[in-house]
Amino acid sequence: MTTPIAATTQNPASATSGSAAGSDAMSQLSGNFNTFLTLLTSQLKNQDPTSPMDSSTFTQQLVMYSQVEQQISTNSNLKTLIGQGSTQIGSYATSYLGKAVSITNGNAALKGGSASWSYNLDAAASSTALTVSDANGRVVYSGAGETASGNHQFAWNGKDNNGNQLSDGTYTLKVIAKASDGSGVTSQVASAGVVSEIDMTSGTPQLLIGGMSVELSDIAHVANAPTN
């Protein structure tokens, strides 16, 4: 009795993930399929007439090859679409070059000993605490803020509470305001800057503002940069 032929290819998931490109995977599949057909033809020629091969076995294998081929083609098409989408996003991001933008993630760039934020209090507070943290999350400055409701500005000279001048980089302002009854007062923090570069090395556009990297999703407002 003839032994059924075992498939010589991987399942769709492993075949596509183990290949660096769709064309390479398709070439490998084609080679395996040709080998499969050669072995199948040989077994059909030499099978025992009194105990013929079960046609359902190699029919299932043929179907599997077809499914793998379709999966490879689908993945290749998706890769092409993703590449086109990334190109379009990159082109869109370049429209931010030279624009003044408002950033809502609490970050601001310290450059030349100067960084600034704006913050808004939804209601009057009895106390407002401002803390500035570095890129590692370490608090480098703390002080009191404004307590009236509405918009406020905070300009920081880049010095910690001991008077040490800190290096340029990205810093984060956090505002904690409390009412007279101890309840929290809602606050929002924003900063502004002019986009000088677009970084595409990570695959996702990053706007560079004074050395600070900002994602498009953190941009709340865009305007023409003021002219000198």
C-alpha atoms as a PDB file:
ATOM      1  CA  MET A   1       0.000   0.000   0.000  1.00  0.00           C
ATOM      2  CA  THR A   2       1.358   3.426  -0.920  1.00  0.00           C
ATOM      3  CA  THR A   3       1.966   5.982   1.803  1.00  0.00           C
ATOM      4  CA  PRO A   4       0.160   9.326   1.242  1.00  0.00           C
ATOM      5  CA  ILE A   5       2.403  12.267   0.421  1.00  0.00           C
ATOM      6  CA  ALA A   6       3.057  14.707   3.243  1.00  0.00           C
ATOM      7  CA  ALA A   7       2.820  18.425   2.407  1.00  0.00           C
ATOM      8  CA  THR A   8       6.238  20.041   2.101  1.00  0.00           C
ATOM      9  CA  THR A   9       5.200  23.617   2.787  1.00  0.00           C
ATOM     10  CA  GLN A  10       4.348  25.534   5.935  1.00  0.00           C
ATOM     11  CA  ASN A  11       0.873  26.672   6.950  1.00  0.00           C
ATOM     12  CA  PRO A  12      -0.136  30.164   5.774  1.00  0.00           C
ATOM     13  CA  ALA A  13       0.844  31.931   8.984  1.00  0.00           C
ATOM     14  CA  SER A  14       4.316  30.444   9.305  1.00  0.00           C
ATOM     15  CA  ALA A  15       5.024  30.612   5.580  1.00  0.00           C
ATOM     16  CA  THR A  16       4.363  34.325   5.398  1.00  0.00           C
ATOM     17  CA  SER A  17       6.021  35.213   8.685  1.00  0.00           C
ATOM     18  CA  GLY A  18       9.133  33.183   7.864  1.00  0.00           C
ATOM     19  CA  SER A  19       9.679  34.973   4.547  1.00  0.00           C
ATOM     20  CA  ALA A  20      11.308  38.366   4.210  1.00  0.00           C
ATOM     21  CA  ALA A  21       9.215  39.251   1.159  1.00  0.00           C
ATOM     22  CA  GLY A  22       6.132  37.990  -0.626  1.00  0.00           C
ATOM     23  CA  SER A  23       8.074  37.201  -3.789  1.00  0.00           C
ATOM     24  CA  ASP A  24      10.525  34.979  -1.898  1.00  0.00           C
ATOM     25  CA  ALA A  25       7.672  33.132  -0.212  1.00  0.00           C
ATOM     26  CA  MET A  26       5.948  32.625  -3.543  1.00  0.00           C
ATOM     27  CA  SER A  27       9.144  31.257  -5.108  1.00  0.00           C
ATOM     28  CA  GLN A  28       9.600  28.828  -2.221  1.00  0.00           C
ATOM     29  CA  LEU A  29       5.972  27.740  -2.475  1.00  0.00           C
ATOM     30  CA  SER A  30       6.344  27.172  -6.219  1.00  0.00           C
ATOM     31  CA  GLY A  31       9.409  24.986  -5.684  1.00  0.00           C
ATOM     32  CA  ASN A  32       7.681  22.942  -3.002  1.00  0.00           C
ATOM     33  CA  PHE A  33       4.598  22.564  -5.173  1.00  0.00           C
ATOM     34  CA  ASN A  34       6.637  21.283  -8.121  1.00  0.00           C
ATOM     35  CA  THR A  35       8.309  18.745  -5.843  1.00  0.00           C
ATOM     36  CA  PHE A  36       4.907  17.719  -4.546  1.00  0.00           C
ATOM     37  CA  LEU A  37       3.574  17.174  -8.089  1.00  0.00           C
ATOM     38  CA  THR A  38       6.655  15.131  -9.039  1.00  0.00           C
ATOM     39  CA  LEU A  39       6.228  12.861  -6.016  1.00  0.00           C
ATOM     40  CA  LEU A  40       2.492  12.598  -6.580  1.00  0.00           C
ATOM     41  CA  THR A  41       2.953  11.608 -10.239  1.00  0.00           C
ATOM     42  CA  SER A  42       5.537   9.025  -9.265  1.00  0.00           C
ATOM     43  CA  GLN A  43       3.278   7.489  -6.633  1.00  0.00           C
ATOM     44  CA  LEU A  44       0.299   7.408  -8.985  1.00  0.00           C
ATOM     45  CA  LYS A  45       2.385   5.562 -11.585  1.00  0.00           C
ATOM     46  CA  ASN A  46       3.658   3.042  -9.065  1.00  0.00           C
ATOM     47  CA  GLN A  47       0.617   2.592  -6.844  1.00  0.00           C
ATOM     48  CA  ASP A  48      -0.746  -0.871  -6.102  1.00  0.00           C
ATOM     49  CA  PRO A  49      -3.775  -1.390  -8.399  1.00  0.00           C
ATOM     50  CA  THR A  50      -5.428  -3.543  -5.748  1.00  0.00           C
ATOM     51  CA  SER A  51      -5.050  -0.782  -3.158  1.00  0.00           C
ATOM     52  CA  PRO A  52      -5.166   2.604  -4.948  1.00  0.00           C
ATOM     53  CA  MET A  53      -4.358   5.859  -3.223  1.00  0.00           C
ATOM     54  CA  ASP A  54      -7.137   7.758  -1.522  1.00  0.00           C
ATOM     55  CA  SER A  55      -7.726  10.721  -3.826  1.00  0.00           C
ATOM     56  CA  SER A  56      -9.056  12.831  -0.955  1.00  0.00           C
ATOM     57  CA  THR A  57      -5.573  12.959   0.605  1.00  0.00           C
ATOM     58  CA  PHE A  58      -3.752  14.672  -2.237  1.00  0.00           C
ATOM     59  CA  THR A  59      -6.880  16.708  -3.074  1.00  0.00           C
ATOM     60  CA  GLN A  60      -6.686  18.236   0.418  1.00  0.00           C
ATOM     61  CA  GLN A  61      -2.993  18.944  -0.122  1.00  0.00           C
ATOM     62  CA  LEU A  62      -3.720  20.680  -3.439  1.00  0.00           C
ATOM     63  CA  VAL A  63      -6.350  22.820  -1.707  1.00  0.00           C
ATOM     64  CA  MET A  64      -3.855  23.696   1.025  1.00  0.00           C
ATOM     65  CA  TYR A  65      -1.285  24.870  -1.524  1.00  0.00           C
ATOM     66  CA  SER A  66      -3.942  27.063  -3.133  1.00  0.00           C
ATOM     67  CA  GLN A  67      -4.864  28.587   0.220  1.00  0.00           C
ATOM     68  CA  VAL A  68      -1.215  29.331   1.033  1.00  0.00           C
ATOM     69  CA  GLU A  69      -0.756  30.979  -2.369  1.00  0.00           C
ATOM     70  CA  GLN A  70      -3.802  33.189  -1.771  1.00  0.00           C
ATOM     71  CA  GLN A  71      -2.538  34.142   1.702  1.00  0.00           C
ATOM     72  CA  ILE A  72       0.874  35.142   0.337  1.00  0.00           C
ATOM     73  CA  SER A  73      -0.764  37.278  -2.342  1.00  0.00           C
ATOM     74  CA  THR A  74      -3.022  38.912   0.242  1.00  0.00           C
ATOM     75  CA  ASN A  75      -0.094  39.719   2.526  1.00  0.00           C
ATOM     76  CA  SER A  76       1.882  41.186  -0.384  1.00  0.00           C
ATOM     77  CA  ASN A  77      -1.047  43.407  -1.326  1.00  0.00           C
ATOM     78  CA  LEU A  78      -1.477  44.544   2.273  1.00  0.00           C
ATOM     79  CA  LYS A  79       2.226  45.372   2.491  1.00  0.00           C
ATOM     80  CA  THR A  80       1.894  47.498  -0.642  1.00  0.00           C
ATOM     81  CA  LEU A  81      -1.129  49.334   0.770  1.00  0.00           C
ATOM     82  CA  ILE A  82       0.644  49.969   4.082  1.00  0.00           C
ATOM     83  CA  GLY A  83       3.650  51.342   2.222  1.00  0.00           C
ATOM     84  CA  GLN A  84       1.432  53.683   0.208  1.00  0.00           C
ATOM     85  CA  GLY A  85      -0.322  54.822   3.391  1.00  0.00           C
ATOM     86  CA  SER A  86       2.995  55.571   5.103  1.00  0.00           C
ATOM     87  CA  THR A  87       4.096  57.621   2.099  1.00  0.00           C
ATOM     88  CA  GLN A  88       0.875  59.631   2.180  1.00  0.00           C
ATOM     89  CA  ILE A  89       1.188  60.251   5.923  1.00  0.00           C
ATOM     90  CA  GLY A  90       4.791  61.368   5.431  1.00  0.00           C
ATOM     91  CA  SER A  91       3.724  63.776   2.696  1.00  0.00           C
ATOM     92  CA  TYR A  92       0.973  65.108   4.946  1.00  0.00           C
ATOM     93  CA  ALA A  93       3.412  65.588   7.828  1.00  0.00           C
ATOM     94  CA  THR A  94       5.669  67.814   5.715  1.00  0.00           C
ATOM     95  CA  SER A  95       2.849  70.388   5.624  1.00  0.00           C
ATOM     96  CA  TYR A  96       3.681  71.079   9.299  1.00  0.00           C
ATOM     97  CA  LEU A  97       7.191  72.302   8.484  1.00  0.00           C
ATOM     98  CA  GLY A  98       7.629  75.901   9.596  1.00  0.00           C
ATOM     99  CA  LYS A  99       4.216  75.954  11.288  1.00  0.00           C
ATOM    100  CA  ALA A 100       3.534  77.048  14.856  1.00  0.00           C
ATOM    101  CA  VAL A 101       1.749  74.226  16.644  1.00  0.00           C
ATOM    102  CA  SER A 102       0.071  73.761  20.002  1.00  0.00           C
ATOM    103  CA  ILE A 103       0.947  70.523  21.841  1.00  0.00           C
ATOM    104  CA  THR A 104      -1.362  68.927  24.408  1.00  0.00           C
ATOM    105  CA  ASN A 105       0.746  66.131  25.942  1.00  0.00           C
ATOM    106  CA  GLY A 106       2.294  68.398  28.591  1.00  0.00           C
ATOM    107  CA  ASN A 107       5.741  68.370  26.978  1.00  0.00           C
ATOM    108  CA  ALA A 108       7.793  71.389  25.999  1.00  0.00           C
ATOM    109  CA  ALA A 109      11.304  71.842  24.689  1.00  0.00           C
ATOM    110  CA  LEU A 110      13.870  73.516  26.921  1.00  0.00           C
ATOM    111  CA  LYS A 111      16.214  75.364  24.620  1.00  0.00           C
ATOM    112  CA  GLY A 112      18.771  77.972  25.591  1.00  0.00           C
ATOM    113  CA  GLY A 113      17.484  78.063  29.170  1.00  0.00           C
ATOM    114  CA  SER A 114      13.873  78.739  28.252  1.00  0.00           C
ATOM    115  CA  ALA A 115      10.697  76.671  28.109  1.00  0.00           C
ATOM    116  CA  SER A 116       7.081  77.756  28.370  1.00  0.00           C
ATOM    117  CA  TRP A 117       3.656  76.249  28.835  1.00  0.00           C
ATOM    118  CA  SER A 118       0.079  77.455  29.160  1.00  0.00           C
ATOM    119  CA  TYR A 119      -2.411  75.858  31.499  1.00  0.00           C
ATOM    120  CA  ASN A 120      -6.106  76.303  32.069  1.00  0.00           C
ATOM    121  CA  LEU A 121      -8.104  75.892  35.281  1.00  0.00           C
ATOM    122  CA  ASP A 122     -11.807  75.111  34.879  1.00  0.00           C
ATOM    123  CA  ALA A 123     -12.592  76.814  38.192  1.00  0.00           C
ATOM    124  CA  ALA A 124     -10.882  78.873  40.868  1.00  0.00           C
ATOM    125  CA  ALA A 125      -8.534  76.903  43.104  1.00  0.00           C
ATOM    126  CA  SER A 126      -7.258  77.431  46.619  1.00  0.00           C
ATOM    127  CA  SER A 127      -3.857  75.978  45.668  1.00  0.00           C
ATOM    128  CA  THR A 128      -2.075  75.047  42.466  1.00  0.00           C
ATOM    129  CA  ALA A 129       1.132  73.000  42.348  1.00  0.00           C
ATOM    130  CA  LEU A 130       3.366  72.957  39.268  1.00  0.00           C
ATOM    131  CA  THR A 131       5.946  70.204  38.748  1.00  0.00           C
ATOM    132  CA  VAL A 132       8.392  69.833  35.883  1.00  0.00           C
ATOM    133  CA  SER A 133       9.846  66.406  35.095  1.00  0.00           C
ATOM    134  CA  ASP A 134      12.687  65.433  32.792  1.00  0.00           C
ATOM    135  CA  ALA A 135      12.555  62.775  30.061  1.00  0.00           C
ATOM    136  CA  ASN A 136      13.190  60.067  32.694  1.00  0.00           C
ATOM    137  CA  GLY A 137      10.193  61.131  34.777  1.00  0.00           C
ATOM    138  CA  ARG A 138      12.348  62.660  37.531  1.00  0.00           C
ATOM    139  CA  VAL A 139      10.876  65.825  39.070  1.00  0.00           C
ATOM    140  CA  VAL A 140      13.419  68.623  38.593  1.00  0.00           C
ATOM    141  CA  TYR A 141      11.335  71.636  39.583  1.00  0.00           C
ATOM    142  CA  SER A 142       8.261  72.302  41.719  1.00  0.00           C
ATOM    143  CA  GLY A 143       6.507  75.528  42.601  1.00  0.00           C
ATOM    144  CA  ALA A 144       3.177  77.246  43.095  1.00  0.00           C
ATOM    145  CA  GLY A 145       0.959  78.226  40.198  1.00  0.00           C
ATOM    146  CA  GLU A 146      -1.923  80.595  39.595  1.00  0.00           C
ATOM    147  CA  THR A 147      -5.247  79.874  41.293  1.00  0.00           C
ATOM    148  CA  ALA A 148      -7.746  81.930  39.300  1.00  0.00           C
ATOM    149  CA  SER A 149      -9.907  80.163  36.765  1.00  0.00           C
ATOM    150  CA  GLY A 150      -8.994  80.523  33.106  1.00  0.00           C
ATOM    151  CA  ASN A 151      -5.748  80.506  31.107  1.00  0.00           C
ATOM    152  CA  HIS A 152      -2.300  81.060  32.597  1.00  0.00           C
ATOM    153  CA  GLN A 153       1.267  81.115  31.309  1.00  0.00           C
ATOM    154  CA  PHE A 154       4.276  79.457  32.919  1.00  0.00           C
ATOM    155  CA  ALA A 155       7.743  80.393  31.716  1.00  0.00           C
ATOM    156  CA  TRP A 156      10.569  78.268  33.102  1.00  0.00           C
ATOM    157  CA  ASN A 157      14.237  79.229  33.011  1.00  0.00           C
ATOM    158  CA  GLY A 158      15.430  75.622  33.016  1.00  0.00           C
ATOM    159  CA  LYS A 159      16.802  75.715  36.558  1.00  0.00           C
ATOM    160  CA  ASP A 160      15.972  73.146  39.223  1.00  0.00           C
ATOM    161  CA  ASN A 161      14.979  74.079  42.773  1.00  0.00           C
ATOM    162  CA  ASN A 162      18.652  74.245  43.742  1.00  0.00           C
ATOM    163  CA  GLY A 163      19.414  76.798  41.053  1.00  0.00           C
ATOM    164  CA  ASN A 164      21.267  74.397  38.754  1.00  0.00           C
ATOM    165  CA  GLN A 165      20.869  75.038  35.049  1.00  0.00           C
ATOM    166  CA  LEU A 166      19.569  71.909  33.331  1.00  0.00           C
ATOM    167  CA  SER A 167      20.474  70.737  29.849  1.00  0.00           C
ATOM    168  CA  ASP A 168      18.265  71.321  26.834  1.00  0.00           C
ATOM    169  CA  GLY A 169      15.728  68.618  26.105  1.00  0.00           C
ATOM    170  CA  THR A 170      12.110  67.600  26.578  1.00  0.00           C
ATOM    171  CA  TYR A 171      10.425  68.390  29.883  1.00  0.00           C
ATOM    172  CA  THR A 172       6.875  67.771  31.107  1.00  0.00           C
ATOM    173  CA  LEU A 173       4.700  70.106  33.146  1.00  0.00           C
ATOM    174  CA  LYS A 174       2.063  68.695  35.478  1.00  0.00           C
ATOM    175  CA  VAL A 175      -0.561  70.900  37.155  1.00  0.00           C
ATOM    176  CA  ILE A 176      -2.404  69.799  40.296  1.00  0.00           C
ATOM    177  CA  ALA A 177      -5.048  72.274  41.460  1.00  0.00           C
ATOM    178  CA  LYS A 178      -7.365  71.845  44.429  1.00  0.00           C
ATOM    179  CA  ALA A 179     -10.479  73.713  45.566  1.00  0.00           C
ATOM    180  CA  SER A 180     -11.005  74.930  49.133  1.00  0.00           C
ATOM    181  CA  ASP A 181     -12.918  71.763  49.999  1.00  0.00           C
ATOM    182  CA  GLY A 182     -10.000  69.594  48.877  1.00  0.00           C
ATOM    183  CA  SER A 183     -11.579  68.444  45.641  1.00  0.00           C
ATOM    184  CA  GLY A 184      -9.588  68.539  42.442  1.00  0.00           C
ATOM    185  CA  VAL A 185      -9.905  71.284  39.875  1.00  0.00           C
ATOM    186  CA  THR A 186      -9.684  70.151  36.247  1.00  0.00           C
ATOM    187  CA  SER A 187      -6.702  71.543  34.365  1.00  0.00           C
ATOM    188  CA  GLN A 188      -5.285  71.277  30.855  1.00  0.00           C
ATOM    189  CA  VAL A 189      -1.673  71.867  29.863  1.00  0.00           C
ATOM    190  CA  ALA A 190      -0.370  72.924  26.454  1.00  0.00           C
ATOM    191  CA  SER A 191       2.830  74.214  24.920  1.00  0.00           C
ATOM    192  CA  ALA A 192       3.740  75.736  21.585  1.00  0.00           C
ATOM    193  CA  GLY A 193       6.626  75.681  19.145  1.00  0.00           C
ATOM    194  CA  VAL A 194       7.628  75.816  15.498  1.00  0.00           C
ATOM    195  CA  VAL A 195       8.167  72.566  13.580  1.00  0.00           C
ATOM    196  CA  SER A 196      11.708  72.519  12.198  1.00  0.00           C
ATOM    197  CA  GLU A 197      12.056  68.917  10.949  1.00  0.00           C
ATOM    198  CA  ILE A 198      10.115  65.724  10.184  1.00  0.00           C
ATOM    199  CA  ASP A 199      11.639  62.432  11.371  1.00  0.00           C
ATOM    200  CA  MET A 200      10.465  59.367   9.424  1.00  0.00           C
ATOM    201  CA  THR A 201      13.085  56.853  10.637  1.00  0.00           C
ATOM    202  CA  SER A 202      10.613  55.037  12.903  1.00  0.00           C
ATOM    203  CA  GLY A 203       8.050  54.616  10.119  1.00  0.00           C
ATOM    204  CA  THR A 204       5.650  57.007  11.878  1.00  0.00           C
ATOM    205  CA  PRO A 205       6.165  60.745  11.285  1.00  0.00           C
ATOM    206  CA  GLN A 206       7.579  62.612  14.268  1.00  0.00           C
ATOM    207  CA  LEU A 207       7.563  66.405  14.326  1.00  0.00           C
ATOM    208  CA  LEU A 208      10.757  67.916  15.742  1.00  0.00           C
ATOM    209  CA  ILE A 209      10.316  71.121  17.717  1.00  0.00           C
ATOM    210  CA  GLY A 210      13.470  72.489  19.277  1.00  0.00           C
ATOM    211  CA  GLY A 211      14.877  68.966  19.558  1.00  0.00           C
ATOM    212  CA  MET A 212      11.612  67.613  21.017  1.00  0.00           C
ATOM    213  CA  SER A 213       9.860  64.807  19.154  1.00  0.00           C
ATOM    214  CA  VAL A 214       6.069  65.132  18.897  1.00  0.00           C
ATOM    215  CA  GLU A 215       3.489  62.780  17.402  1.00  0.00           C
ATOM    216  CA  LEU A 216       0.822  64.100  15.054  1.00  0.00           C
ATOM    217  CA  SER A 217      -1.896  62.975  17.481  1.00  0.00           C
ATOM    218  CA  ASP A 218      -0.551  65.387  20.132  1.00  0.00           C
ATOM    219  CA  ILE A 219      -1.055  68.446  17.923  1.00  0.00           C
ATOM    220  CA  ALA A 220      -4.114  70.484  18.938  1.00  0.00           C
ATOM    221  CA  HIS A 221      -3.700  73.618  16.812  1.00  0.00           C
ATOM    222  CA  VAL A 222      -1.675  74.691  13.782  1.00  0.00           C
ATOM    223  CA  ALA A 223      -0.975  78.260  12.653  1.00  0.00           C
ATOM    224  CA  ASN A 224       1.499  80.165  10.535  1.00  0.00           C
ATOM    225  CA  ALA A 225       4.670  80.883  12.464  1.00  0.00           C
ATOM    226  CA  PRO A 226       5.125  84.552  13.389  1.00  0.00           C
ATOM    227  CA  THR A 227       7.545  86.441  11.179  1.00  0.00           C
ATOM    228  CA  ASN A 228      10.319  88.527  12.641  1.00  0.00           C
END
